[in-house]
C-alpha atoms as a PDB file:
ATOM      1  CA  MET A   1      78.747  81.898  86.483  1.00  0.00           C
ATOM      2  CA  PRO A   2      81.822  84.068  85.862  1.00  0.00           C
ATOM      3  CA  LYS A   3      83.639  85.804  88.657  1.00  0.00           C
ATOM      4  CA  MET A   4      82.395  89.250  89.636  1.00  0.00           C
ATOM      5  CA  LYS A   5      84.590  92.219  88.838  1.00  0.00           C
ATOM      6  CA  THR A   6      85.654  94.493  91.671  1.00  0.00           C
ATOM      7  CA  HIS A   7      84.596  98.118  91.226  1.00  0.00           C
ATOM      8  CA  ARG A   8      88.025  99.741  91.175  1.00  0.00           C
ATOM      9  CA  GLY A   9      86.812 103.147  92.353  1.00  0.00           C
ATOM     10  CA  ALA A  10      85.160 101.570  95.386  1.00  0.00           C
ATOM     11  CA  ALA A  11      88.189  99.375  96.085  1.00  0.00           C
ATOM     12  CA  LYS A  12      90.374 102.475  96.410  1.00  0.00           C
ATOM     13  CA  ARG A  13      87.937 104.178  98.805  1.00  0.00           C
ATOM     14  CA  PHE A  14      86.690 101.392 101.054  1.00  0.00           C
ATOM     15  CA  GLY A  15      88.217  98.536 103.001  1.00  0.00           C
ATOM     16  CA  LYS A  16      87.006  95.687 105.155  1.00  0.00           C
ATOM     17  CA  THR A  17      87.815  95.104 108.794  1.00  0.00           C
ATOM     18  CA  ALA A  18      88.690  91.676 110.175  1.00  0.00           C
ATOM     19  CA  THR A  19      85.066  91.227 111.245  1.00  0.00           C
ATOM     20  CA  GLY A  20      83.773  92.095 107.755  1.00  0.00           C
ATOM     21  CA  LYS A  21      82.552  95.630 108.393  1.00  0.00           C
ATOM     22  CA  ILE A  22      83.209  98.282 105.747  1.00  0.00           C
ATOM     23  CA  LYS A  23      85.643 101.107 106.574  1.00  0.00           C
ATOM     24  CA  ARG A  24      85.524 104.526 104.931  1.00  0.00           C
ATOM     25  CA  ASN A  25      87.439 107.776 105.138  1.00  0.00           C
ATOM     26  CA  HIS A  26      85.934 111.105 106.139  1.00  0.00           C
ATOM     27  CA  ALA A  27      85.136 113.801 103.591  1.00  0.00           C
ATOM     28  CA  PHE A  28      85.871 117.556 103.888  1.00  0.00           C
ATOM     29  CA  LYS A  29      89.631 117.186 104.451  1.00  0.00           C
ATOM     30  CA  SER A  30      91.095 118.286 101.116  1.00  0.00           C
ATOM     31  CA  HIS A  31      90.899 122.115 101.007  1.00  0.00           C
ATOM     32  CA  ILE A  32      89.467 125.164 102.806  1.00  0.00           C
ATOM     33  CA  LEU A  33      91.157 123.967 105.997  1.00  0.00           C
ATOM     34  CA  GLU A  34      91.987 127.322 107.614  1.00  0.00           C
ATOM     35  CA  LYS A  35      88.539 127.850 109.077  1.00  0.00           C
ATOM     36  CA  LYS A  36      88.297 124.298 110.452  1.00  0.00           C
ATOM     37  CA  SER A  37      89.552 123.721 113.965  1.00  0.00           C
ATOM     38  CA  THR A  38      92.595 121.582 114.675  1.00  0.00           C
ATOM     39  CA  LYS A  39      90.445 119.129 116.594  1.00  0.00           C
ATOM     40  CA  ARG A  40      88.000 118.787 113.710  1.00  0.00           C
ATOM     41  CA  LYS A  41      90.799 118.189 111.191  1.00  0.00           C
ATOM     42  CA  ARG A  42      92.428 115.637 113.490  1.00  0.00           C
ATOM     43  CA  ASN A  43      89.168 113.712 113.839  1.00  0.00           C
ATOM     44  CA  LEU A  44      88.638 113.740 110.065  1.00  0.00           C
ATOM     45  CA  ARG A  45      91.910 111.797 109.652  1.00  0.00           C
ATOM     46  CA  LYS A  46      90.474 108.722 111.343  1.00  0.00           C
ATOM     47  CA  SER A  47      88.499 106.161 109.385  1.00  0.00           C
ATOM     48  CA  ALA A  48      84.871 105.398 110.194  1.00  0.00           C
ATOM     49  CA  ILE A  49      82.642 102.341 109.996  1.00  0.00           C
ATOM     50  CA  MET A  50      79.816 102.605 107.467  1.00  0.00           C
ATOM     51  CA  PHE A  51      76.188 102.264 108.457  1.00  0.00           C
ATOM     52  CA  LYS A  52      74.586  98.898 107.747  1.00  0.00           C
ATOM     53  CA  GLY A  53      72.441  99.897 104.766  1.00  0.00           C
ATOM     54  CA  ASP A  54      75.238 101.728 102.965  1.00  0.00           C
ATOM     55  CA  ALA A  55      77.715  98.970 103.778  1.00  0.00           C
ATOM     56  CA  GLN A  56      75.537  96.356 102.069  1.00  0.00           C
ATOM     57  CA  ARG A  57      75.601  98.343  98.804  1.00  0.00           C
ATOM     58  CA  VAL A  58      79.374  98.845  98.952  1.00  0.00           C
ATOM     59  CA  ALA A  59      80.010  95.198  99.846  1.00  0.00           C
ATOM     60  CA  LYS A  60      78.586  94.172  96.471  1.00  0.00           C
ATOM     61  CA  LEU A  61      81.126  96.418  94.731  1.00  0.00           C
ATOM     62  CA  ILE A  62      84.135  94.928  96.566  1.00  0.00           C
ATOM     63  CA  PRO A  63      83.332  91.194  96.815  1.00  0.00           C
ATOM     64  CA  TYR A  64      86.924  89.937  97.140  1.00  0.00           C
ATOM     65  CA  LYS A  65      88.519  92.662  99.230  1.00  0.00           C
END
């Protein structure tokens, strides 16, 4: 069986924590920022842990990361 290829788009967007959970970045932080509060924008900077079902799909795309 040949090695699996990493999905490069997913590799740039997701990472794994030391315990194997999948990290993601928040959306809605690229434009139209004037109407969003400072607190909301600050919280969007932080990464988040994906939910279990979504994380299983993404884990298949980034097997070696």
